N, C-alpha and C. Protein backbone atom coordinates (compact mmCIF):
# COMPACT_ATOMS: atom_id res chain seq x y z
N UNK A 1 -17.18 77.62 64.54
CA UNK A 1 -18.01 76.54 64.04
C UNK A 1 -17.49 76.08 62.69
N UNK A 2 -17.36 74.79 62.55
CA UNK A 2 -16.87 74.23 61.30
C UNK A 2 -18.02 73.97 60.34
N UNK A 3 -17.73 74.20 59.10
CA UNK A 3 -18.74 73.91 58.10
C UNK A 3 -18.38 72.61 57.40
N UNK A 4 -19.38 71.88 57.01
CA UNK A 4 -19.16 70.63 56.31
C UNK A 4 -18.77 70.94 54.89
N UNK A 5 -17.89 70.16 54.32
CA UNK A 5 -17.48 70.41 52.94
C UNK A 5 -16.39 69.46 52.52
N UNK A 6 -15.80 69.74 51.37
CA UNK A 6 -14.79 68.86 50.79
C UNK A 6 -13.46 68.94 51.51
N UNK A 7 -13.24 69.99 52.30
CA UNK A 7 -11.93 70.11 52.95
C UNK A 7 -11.93 69.57 54.38
N UNK A 8 -12.85 68.70 54.68
CA UNK A 8 -12.92 68.12 56.03
C UNK A 8 -12.70 66.61 55.92
N UNK A 9 -11.77 66.09 56.72
CA UNK A 9 -11.52 64.66 56.74
C UNK A 9 -12.24 64.02 57.92
N UNK A 10 -12.67 62.79 57.76
CA UNK A 10 -13.28 62.09 58.90
C UNK A 10 -12.21 61.79 59.93
N UNK A 11 -12.59 61.61 61.18
CA UNK A 11 -11.59 61.31 62.21
C UNK A 11 -10.92 59.97 61.93
N UNK A 12 -9.68 59.86 62.38
CA UNK A 12 -8.98 58.59 62.25
C UNK A 12 -9.63 57.57 63.16
N UNK A 13 -9.67 56.34 62.71
CA UNK A 13 -10.33 55.28 63.48
C UNK A 13 -9.61 55.02 64.78
N UNK A 14 -8.29 55.18 64.79
CA UNK A 14 -7.54 54.85 66.00
C UNK A 14 -7.50 55.96 67.03
N UNK A 15 -7.91 57.18 66.67
CA UNK A 15 -7.81 58.28 67.61
C UNK A 15 -9.14 58.68 68.21
N UNK A 16 -10.18 58.65 67.44
CA UNK A 16 -11.48 59.03 67.96
C UNK A 16 -11.58 60.50 68.33
N UNK A 17 -10.72 61.33 67.80
CA UNK A 17 -10.78 62.76 68.11
C UNK A 17 -11.71 63.47 67.15
N UNK A 18 -11.84 64.76 67.35
CA UNK A 18 -12.73 65.54 66.49
C UNK A 18 -12.18 65.68 65.07
N UNK A 19 -12.97 66.16 64.17
CA UNK A 19 -12.66 66.28 62.75
C UNK A 19 -11.56 67.32 62.53
N UNK A 20 -10.61 67.00 61.61
CA UNK A 20 -9.53 67.92 61.28
C UNK A 20 -9.80 68.54 59.92
N UNK A 21 -9.51 69.82 59.76
CA UNK A 21 -9.69 70.50 58.47
C UNK A 21 -8.37 70.54 57.72
N UNK A 22 -8.42 70.39 56.40
CA UNK A 22 -7.24 70.49 55.55
C UNK A 22 -7.11 71.95 55.14
N UNK A 23 -5.93 72.55 55.34
CA UNK A 23 -5.76 73.94 54.90
C UNK A 23 -6.00 74.05 53.40
N UNK A 24 -6.75 75.06 52.94
CA UNK A 24 -7.11 75.17 51.53
C UNK A 24 -5.92 75.17 50.58
N UNK A 25 -4.81 75.81 50.91
CA UNK A 25 -3.65 75.89 50.02
C UNK A 25 -2.93 74.56 49.87
N UNK A 26 -3.10 73.65 50.83
CA UNK A 26 -2.41 72.38 50.80
C UNK A 26 -2.85 71.51 49.63
N UNK A 27 -4.09 71.62 49.22
CA UNK A 27 -4.59 70.82 48.13
C UNK A 27 -4.07 71.31 46.78
N UNK A 28 -3.76 72.59 46.65
CA UNK A 28 -3.36 73.15 45.36
C UNK A 28 -1.86 73.05 45.09
N UNK A 29 -1.00 72.90 46.09
CA UNK A 29 0.44 72.96 45.86
C UNK A 29 0.96 71.89 44.92
N UNK A 30 0.45 70.64 44.91
CA UNK A 30 0.99 69.67 43.94
C UNK A 30 0.75 70.10 42.49
N UNK A 31 -0.40 70.75 42.24
CA UNK A 31 -0.69 71.21 40.88
C UNK A 31 0.27 72.32 40.47
N UNK A 32 0.55 73.26 41.38
CA UNK A 32 1.47 74.35 41.08
C UNK A 32 2.89 73.81 40.87
N UNK A 33 3.29 72.84 41.68
CA UNK A 33 4.63 72.28 41.54
C UNK A 33 4.78 71.55 40.20
N UNK A 34 3.77 70.79 39.80
CA UNK A 34 3.81 70.08 38.52
C UNK A 34 3.86 71.07 37.36
N UNK A 35 3.08 72.14 37.43
CA UNK A 35 3.07 73.15 36.37
C UNK A 35 4.43 73.83 36.27
N UNK A 36 5.06 74.12 37.40
CA UNK A 36 6.37 74.77 37.40
C UNK A 36 7.43 73.87 36.78
N UNK A 37 7.41 72.58 37.12
CA UNK A 37 8.39 71.66 36.56
C UNK A 37 8.21 71.47 35.06
N UNK A 38 6.98 71.40 34.61
CA UNK A 38 6.73 71.20 33.19
C UNK A 38 7.05 72.44 32.36
N UNK A 39 7.01 73.62 32.98
CA UNK A 39 7.27 74.84 32.22
C UNK A 39 8.75 75.16 32.10
N UNK A 40 9.62 74.49 32.84
CA UNK A 40 11.05 74.75 32.76
C UNK A 40 11.56 74.46 31.36
N UNK A 41 12.24 75.42 30.76
CA UNK A 41 12.80 75.32 29.42
C UNK A 41 11.77 74.95 28.38
N UNK A 42 10.50 75.29 28.62
CA UNK A 42 9.48 74.97 27.63
C UNK A 42 9.77 75.72 26.34
N UNK A 43 9.66 75.05 25.23
CA UNK A 43 9.87 75.68 23.94
C UNK A 43 11.32 75.69 23.50
N UNK A 44 12.26 75.42 24.37
CA UNK A 44 13.67 75.40 23.98
C UNK A 44 14.01 74.04 23.40
N UNK A 45 14.73 74.01 22.30
CA UNK A 45 15.11 72.72 21.74
C UNK A 45 15.95 71.94 22.74
N UNK A 46 15.80 70.65 22.76
CA UNK A 46 16.55 69.82 23.68
C UNK A 46 17.83 69.36 23.03
N UNK A 47 18.74 68.83 23.86
CA UNK A 47 19.95 68.24 23.32
C UNK A 47 19.55 67.16 22.33
N UNK A 48 20.31 67.04 21.31
CA UNK A 48 20.05 66.00 20.35
C UNK A 48 19.19 66.45 19.18
N UNK A 49 18.77 67.71 19.15
CA UNK A 49 18.00 68.19 18.01
C UNK A 49 18.96 68.56 16.89
N UNK A 50 18.43 68.84 15.77
CA UNK A 50 19.11 69.02 14.50
C UNK A 50 20.59 69.38 14.56
N UNK A 51 20.95 70.57 15.01
CA UNK A 51 22.30 71.07 14.86
C UNK A 51 23.38 70.35 15.64
N UNK A 52 23.18 70.06 16.89
CA UNK A 52 24.24 69.50 17.72
C UNK A 52 23.69 68.39 18.61
N UNK A 53 23.78 67.15 18.17
CA UNK A 53 23.23 66.05 18.96
C UNK A 53 24.06 65.76 20.21
N UNK A 54 23.40 65.34 21.25
CA UNK A 54 24.09 64.95 22.48
C UNK A 54 24.63 66.14 23.24
N UNK A 55 25.25 65.83 24.36
CA UNK A 55 25.84 66.87 25.20
C UNK A 55 27.18 67.30 24.63
N UNK A 56 27.44 68.59 24.64
CA UNK A 56 28.70 69.13 24.16
C UNK A 56 29.69 69.38 25.29
N UNK A 57 29.30 69.09 26.53
CA UNK A 57 30.16 69.35 27.68
C UNK A 57 31.49 68.62 27.53
N UNK A 58 32.56 69.33 27.84
CA UNK A 58 33.88 68.73 27.80
C UNK A 58 34.93 69.70 27.29
N UNK A 59 36.11 69.17 27.05
CA UNK A 59 37.22 69.96 26.53
C UNK A 59 37.34 69.72 25.03
N UNK A 60 37.52 70.80 24.28
CA UNK A 60 37.59 70.75 22.82
C UNK A 60 38.86 71.45 22.37
N UNK A 61 39.67 70.81 21.52
CA UNK A 61 40.94 71.37 21.04
C UNK A 61 40.80 71.78 19.58
N UNK A 62 41.43 72.92 19.25
CA UNK A 62 41.41 73.43 17.87
C UNK A 62 42.22 72.49 16.99
N UNK A 63 41.61 72.05 15.89
CA UNK A 63 42.30 71.17 14.94
C UNK A 63 43.24 71.98 14.06
N UNK A 64 44.39 71.42 13.73
CA UNK A 64 45.31 72.05 12.79
C UNK A 64 46.08 73.21 13.36
N UNK A 65 46.06 73.42 14.66
CA UNK A 65 46.81 74.53 15.25
C UNK A 65 48.29 74.16 15.33
N UNK A 66 49.15 75.13 15.10
CA UNK A 66 50.60 74.92 15.19
C UNK A 66 51.02 75.11 16.64
N UNK A 67 51.86 74.21 17.15
CA UNK A 67 52.31 74.31 18.54
C UNK A 67 51.24 73.79 19.49
N UNK A 68 51.17 74.41 20.65
CA UNK A 68 50.16 74.01 21.65
C UNK A 68 48.79 74.48 21.18
N UNK A 69 47.92 73.54 20.87
CA UNK A 69 46.60 73.88 20.33
C UNK A 69 45.72 74.47 21.42
N UNK A 70 45.07 75.60 21.13
CA UNK A 70 44.15 76.18 22.11
C UNK A 70 43.01 75.21 22.42
N UNK A 71 42.62 75.15 23.69
CA UNK A 71 41.55 74.26 24.13
C UNK A 71 40.43 75.10 24.71
N UNK A 72 39.20 74.75 24.37
CA UNK A 72 38.01 75.43 24.87
C UNK A 72 37.23 74.47 25.76
N UNK A 73 36.68 74.96 26.86
CA UNK A 73 35.85 74.16 27.76
C UNK A 73 34.39 74.54 27.53
N UNK A 74 33.57 73.55 27.23
CA UNK A 74 32.14 73.78 26.98
C UNK A 74 31.34 73.17 28.12
N UNK A 75 30.44 73.96 28.66
CA UNK A 75 29.50 73.52 29.69
C UNK A 75 28.11 73.55 29.06
N UNK A 76 27.60 72.37 28.69
CA UNK A 76 26.30 72.26 28.03
C UNK A 76 25.23 72.15 29.11
N UNK A 77 24.33 73.13 29.15
CA UNK A 77 23.28 73.18 30.15
C UNK A 77 21.90 72.88 29.56
N UNK A 78 21.87 72.22 28.43
CA UNK A 78 20.59 71.88 27.80
C UNK A 78 20.14 72.96 26.83
N UNK A 79 19.33 73.89 27.31
CA UNK A 79 18.81 74.96 26.45
C UNK A 79 19.87 76.02 26.16
N UNK A 80 20.95 76.03 26.92
CA UNK A 80 22.00 77.01 26.69
C UNK A 80 23.35 76.37 26.98
N UNK A 81 24.41 77.03 26.59
CA UNK A 81 25.76 76.53 26.84
C UNK A 81 26.69 77.70 27.12
N UNK A 82 27.71 77.44 27.91
CA UNK A 82 28.75 78.42 28.20
C UNK A 82 30.07 77.84 27.71
N UNK A 83 30.89 78.68 27.11
CA UNK A 83 32.17 78.24 26.56
C UNK A 83 33.25 79.15 27.14
N UNK A 84 34.33 78.54 27.64
CA UNK A 84 35.42 79.29 28.26
C UNK A 84 36.74 78.91 27.59
N UNK A 85 37.62 79.89 27.46
CA UNK A 85 38.96 79.62 26.94
C UNK A 85 39.75 78.90 28.03
N UNK A 86 40.27 77.72 27.73
CA UNK A 86 41.07 76.96 28.69
C UNK A 86 42.56 77.08 28.32
N UNK A 87 42.92 78.26 27.84
CA UNK A 87 44.30 78.57 27.46
C UNK A 87 44.53 80.04 27.75
N UNK A 88 45.76 80.51 27.59
CA UNK A 88 46.08 81.91 27.89
C UNK A 88 45.55 82.79 26.76
N UNK A 89 44.27 83.09 26.85
CA UNK A 89 43.57 83.88 25.83
C UNK A 89 43.70 85.38 26.09
N UNK A 90 44.26 85.75 27.23
CA UNK A 90 44.33 87.16 27.61
C UNK A 90 45.69 87.77 27.38
N UNK A 91 46.62 87.01 26.82
CA UNK A 91 47.98 87.51 26.64
C UNK A 91 47.99 88.76 25.75
N UNK A 92 48.70 89.76 26.22
CA UNK A 92 48.80 91.02 25.49
C UNK A 92 50.11 91.69 25.87
N UNK A 93 50.92 92.02 24.90
CA UNK A 93 52.19 92.69 25.16
C UNK A 93 52.04 94.16 24.82
N UNK A 94 52.12 95.06 25.83
CA UNK A 94 51.96 96.49 25.53
C UNK A 94 53.19 97.04 24.81
N UNK A 95 52.95 98.06 24.02
CA UNK A 95 54.06 98.74 23.34
C UNK A 95 54.90 99.49 24.37
N UNK A 96 56.16 99.75 24.09
CA UNK A 96 57.01 100.47 25.05
C UNK A 96 56.40 101.83 25.42
N UNK A 97 56.36 102.12 26.71
CA UNK A 97 55.82 103.39 27.20
C UNK A 97 54.31 103.40 27.33
N UNK A 98 53.65 102.33 26.93
CA UNK A 98 52.18 102.26 27.02
C UNK A 98 51.80 101.65 28.37
N UNK A 99 50.77 102.18 29.02
CA UNK A 99 50.37 101.59 30.30
C UNK A 99 49.86 100.15 30.10
N UNK A 100 50.05 99.29 31.11
CA UNK A 100 49.61 97.90 30.96
C UNK A 100 48.09 97.80 30.79
N UNK A 101 47.71 96.95 29.88
CA UNK A 101 46.29 96.71 29.60
C UNK A 101 45.96 95.29 30.03
N UNK A 102 44.88 95.14 30.79
CA UNK A 102 44.44 93.82 31.24
C UNK A 102 43.26 93.37 30.41
N UNK A 103 43.33 92.14 29.93
CA UNK A 103 42.22 91.56 29.17
C UNK A 103 41.79 90.28 29.84
N UNK A 104 40.47 90.11 29.99
CA UNK A 104 39.95 88.85 30.51
C UNK A 104 39.86 87.87 29.34
N UNK A 105 39.96 86.58 29.60
CA UNK A 105 39.78 85.60 28.52
C UNK A 105 38.37 85.71 27.93
N UNK A 106 38.23 85.32 26.69
CA UNK A 106 36.91 85.35 26.05
C UNK A 106 35.98 84.35 26.73
N UNK A 107 34.70 84.70 26.74
CA UNK A 107 33.65 83.88 27.34
C UNK A 107 32.46 83.91 26.40
N UNK A 108 31.92 82.75 26.06
CA UNK A 108 30.79 82.67 25.15
C UNK A 108 29.54 82.24 25.89
N UNK A 109 28.43 82.87 25.57
CA UNK A 109 27.12 82.48 26.07
C UNK A 109 26.25 82.19 24.87
N UNK A 110 25.77 80.97 24.78
CA UNK A 110 25.03 80.51 23.61
C UNK A 110 23.69 79.91 24.02
N UNK A 111 22.70 80.01 23.14
CA UNK A 111 21.41 79.36 23.35
C UNK A 111 21.20 78.37 22.22
N UNK A 112 20.55 77.28 22.55
CA UNK A 112 20.32 76.22 21.58
C UNK A 112 19.15 76.58 20.67
N UNK A 113 19.38 76.50 19.39
CA UNK A 113 18.35 76.67 18.36
C UNK A 113 18.40 75.41 17.50
N UNK A 114 17.48 75.29 16.57
CA UNK A 114 17.41 74.04 15.80
C UNK A 114 18.60 73.82 14.88
N UNK A 115 19.33 74.87 14.54
CA UNK A 115 20.48 74.70 13.65
C UNK A 115 21.81 74.64 14.39
N UNK A 116 21.80 74.65 15.70
CA UNK A 116 23.03 74.60 16.49
C UNK A 116 22.89 75.45 17.74
N UNK A 117 23.91 76.24 18.04
CA UNK A 117 23.88 77.15 19.18
C UNK A 117 24.33 78.52 18.70
N UNK A 118 23.62 79.57 19.10
CA UNK A 118 23.98 80.93 18.70
C UNK A 118 24.01 81.83 19.93
N UNK A 119 24.79 82.88 19.87
CA UNK A 119 24.88 83.82 20.99
C UNK A 119 25.97 84.83 20.74
N UNK A 120 26.79 85.06 21.78
CA UNK A 120 27.82 86.09 21.66
C UNK A 120 29.07 85.70 22.45
N UNK A 121 30.17 86.33 22.06
CA UNK A 121 31.44 86.20 22.76
C UNK A 121 31.71 87.53 23.45
N UNK A 122 32.11 87.48 24.71
CA UNK A 122 32.39 88.68 25.51
C UNK A 122 33.84 88.69 25.95
N UNK A 123 34.37 89.91 26.13
CA UNK A 123 35.69 90.09 26.72
C UNK A 123 35.69 91.43 27.46
N UNK A 124 36.26 91.43 28.67
CA UNK A 124 36.41 92.66 29.45
C UNK A 124 37.86 93.12 29.34
N UNK A 125 38.01 94.46 29.27
CA UNK A 125 39.34 95.05 29.14
C UNK A 125 39.45 96.19 30.15
N UNK A 126 40.65 96.34 30.74
CA UNK A 126 40.88 97.43 31.69
C UNK A 126 42.28 97.99 31.49
N UNK A 127 42.40 99.33 31.62
CA UNK A 127 43.68 100.02 31.60
C UNK A 127 43.57 101.12 32.64
N UNK A 128 44.25 100.95 33.77
CA UNK A 128 44.12 101.92 34.87
C UNK A 128 42.69 101.95 35.36
N UNK A 129 42.07 103.13 35.37
CA UNK A 129 40.68 103.29 35.81
C UNK A 129 39.68 103.09 34.67
N UNK A 130 40.16 103.02 33.46
CA UNK A 130 39.28 102.88 32.30
C UNK A 130 38.94 101.40 32.08
N UNK A 131 37.66 101.11 31.91
CA UNK A 131 37.20 99.75 31.72
C UNK A 131 36.15 99.70 30.61
N UNK A 132 36.09 98.59 29.92
CA UNK A 132 35.05 98.42 28.90
C UNK A 132 34.82 96.94 28.66
N UNK A 133 33.74 96.65 27.96
CA UNK A 133 33.41 95.27 27.59
C UNK A 133 33.17 95.23 26.10
N UNK A 134 33.65 94.17 25.48
CA UNK A 134 33.45 93.98 24.06
C UNK A 134 32.51 92.80 23.84
N UNK A 135 31.76 92.84 22.73
CA UNK A 135 30.83 91.76 22.41
C UNK A 135 30.77 91.59 20.90
N UNK A 136 30.74 90.33 20.47
CA UNK A 136 30.61 90.01 19.05
C UNK A 136 29.78 88.73 18.93
N UNK A 137 29.20 88.47 17.77
CA UNK A 137 28.39 87.26 17.60
C UNK A 137 29.25 85.99 17.64
N UNK A 138 28.62 84.89 18.06
CA UNK A 138 29.29 83.59 18.12
C UNK A 138 28.28 82.51 17.75
N UNK A 139 28.79 81.39 17.24
CA UNK A 139 27.89 80.31 16.80
C UNK A 139 28.63 78.98 16.82
N UNK A 140 27.94 77.94 17.25
CA UNK A 140 28.43 76.57 17.10
C UNK A 140 27.50 75.90 16.10
N UNK A 141 28.09 75.32 15.06
CA UNK A 141 27.26 74.65 14.04
C UNK A 141 27.99 73.42 13.55
N UNK A 142 27.37 72.72 12.66
CA UNK A 142 27.90 71.51 12.02
C UNK A 142 28.56 70.56 13.02
N UNK A 143 27.82 70.20 14.05
CA UNK A 143 28.31 69.23 15.03
C UNK A 143 28.14 67.83 14.46
N UNK A 144 29.19 67.05 14.52
CA UNK A 144 29.13 65.67 14.05
C UNK A 144 30.12 64.85 14.85
N UNK A 145 29.61 63.89 15.60
CA UNK A 145 30.50 63.04 16.39
C UNK A 145 31.28 63.86 17.40
N UNK A 146 32.60 63.75 17.30
CA UNK A 146 33.47 64.47 18.24
C UNK A 146 34.11 65.70 17.63
N UNK A 147 33.44 66.33 16.65
CA UNK A 147 33.97 67.57 16.11
C UNK A 147 32.84 68.56 15.88
N UNK A 148 33.19 69.82 15.92
CA UNK A 148 32.20 70.89 15.70
C UNK A 148 32.90 72.10 15.13
N UNK A 149 32.11 73.02 14.59
CA UNK A 149 32.65 74.27 14.07
C UNK A 149 32.21 75.41 14.95
N UNK A 150 33.17 76.21 15.41
CA UNK A 150 32.92 77.38 16.25
C UNK A 150 33.27 78.62 15.44
N UNK A 151 32.30 79.51 15.27
CA UNK A 151 32.52 80.75 14.54
C UNK A 151 32.43 81.91 15.52
N UNK A 152 33.50 82.70 15.58
CA UNK A 152 33.57 83.82 16.52
C UNK A 152 33.73 85.14 15.76
N UNK A 153 32.91 86.13 16.11
CA UNK A 153 33.12 87.47 15.59
C UNK A 153 34.42 87.99 16.18
N UNK A 154 35.17 88.72 15.40
CA UNK A 154 36.47 89.24 15.88
C UNK A 154 36.26 90.44 16.78
N UNK A 155 36.95 90.40 17.91
CA UNK A 155 36.93 91.53 18.84
C UNK A 155 38.15 92.38 18.55
N UNK A 156 37.99 93.70 18.37
CA UNK A 156 39.14 94.55 18.04
C UNK A 156 40.13 94.62 19.20
N UNK A 157 41.40 94.76 18.84
CA UNK A 157 42.45 94.90 19.84
C UNK A 157 42.32 96.25 20.53
N UNK A 158 42.70 96.33 21.81
CA UNK A 158 42.64 97.62 22.50
C UNK A 158 43.52 98.66 21.79
N UNK A 159 43.00 99.88 21.69
CA UNK A 159 43.74 100.94 21.02
C UNK A 159 44.59 101.73 22.01
N UNK A 160 45.51 102.54 21.47
CA UNK A 160 46.34 103.36 22.34
C UNK A 160 45.54 104.50 22.95
N UNK A 161 44.67 105.12 22.16
CA UNK A 161 43.88 106.25 22.63
C UNK A 161 42.53 105.77 23.15
N UNK A 162 41.84 105.00 22.34
CA UNK A 162 40.53 104.46 22.72
C UNK A 162 40.73 103.03 23.15
N UNK A 163 40.36 102.72 24.40
CA UNK A 163 40.58 101.38 24.94
C UNK A 163 39.80 100.33 24.15
N UNK A 164 38.53 100.58 23.90
CA UNK A 164 37.69 99.64 23.15
C UNK A 164 37.20 100.29 21.86
N UNK A 165 37.97 100.16 20.80
CA UNK A 165 37.53 100.75 19.53
C UNK A 165 36.29 100.03 19.01
N UNK A 166 35.57 100.69 18.13
CA UNK A 166 34.37 100.09 17.53
C UNK A 166 34.78 98.89 16.69
N UNK A 167 33.90 97.90 16.68
CA UNK A 167 34.17 96.69 15.91
C UNK A 167 34.18 97.01 14.42
N UNK A 168 35.10 96.39 13.73
CA UNK A 168 35.14 96.55 12.28
C UNK A 168 34.49 95.32 11.66
N UNK A 169 34.11 95.43 10.43
CA UNK A 169 33.43 94.32 9.77
C UNK A 169 34.45 93.38 9.14
N UNK A 170 35.26 92.74 9.97
CA UNK A 170 36.23 91.78 9.46
C UNK A 170 35.60 90.40 9.40
N UNK A 171 36.26 89.54 8.68
CA UNK A 171 35.79 88.16 8.54
C UNK A 171 35.84 87.47 9.90
N UNK A 172 34.78 86.73 10.28
CA UNK A 172 34.80 86.04 11.58
C UNK A 172 35.86 84.94 11.62
N UNK A 173 36.25 84.57 12.81
CA UNK A 173 37.23 83.51 13.02
C UNK A 173 36.49 82.18 13.05
N UNK A 174 36.88 81.25 12.17
CA UNK A 174 36.24 79.93 12.12
C UNK A 174 37.23 78.90 12.65
N UNK A 175 36.79 78.17 13.67
CA UNK A 175 37.63 77.17 14.29
C UNK A 175 36.97 75.80 14.19
N UNK A 176 37.73 74.80 13.82
CA UNK A 176 37.24 73.42 13.83
C UNK A 176 37.77 72.79 15.10
N UNK A 177 36.88 72.30 15.97
CA UNK A 177 37.27 71.75 17.26
C UNK A 177 37.01 70.25 17.31
N UNK A 178 37.88 69.53 18.01
CA UNK A 178 37.71 68.09 18.23
C UNK A 178 37.69 67.84 19.74
N UNK A 179 36.75 66.98 20.17
CA UNK A 179 36.61 66.69 21.61
C UNK A 179 37.85 65.96 22.11
N UNK A 180 38.37 66.47 23.24
CA UNK A 180 39.52 65.86 23.90
C UNK A 180 39.01 64.87 24.94
N UNK A 181 38.06 65.32 25.76
CA UNK A 181 37.41 64.46 26.76
C UNK A 181 36.12 65.08 27.21
């Protein structure tokens, strides 16, 4: 037996059939969908806020580099950005008699804050069965037009005995980048 209420529609004029009930969950789904869309990246600064206006996506070349200038690829995802080395960042020549060491290119993961983008730079290293990952702070700041400043914490070179030595408190690497495309 059907009960009368708000979830009952009158019959269609062209069909003349009995009354159809609306499933209770069907009425609520548009509200849940709207709430989910509005909550995406809530509270995260948007592109164009203080530190770095506009999208940073593209290829960026180091200014003032001698020879072939290293190029970085930035993928701007709004609230966060990923930065990849678009050059041979993994080159490493082992000392004679030392087993070969493999290094992955550096990879940056950054989140947008009001003063720019902050996060970390990662690198994976392997020698035979021994593997480790290194991490140091990273930051993009002072964005203006087609140039920006990238500051990278220095990752220590692989050691002969210890593959991933502890980070030392050296001065970070500061790079001035200009957009290529």
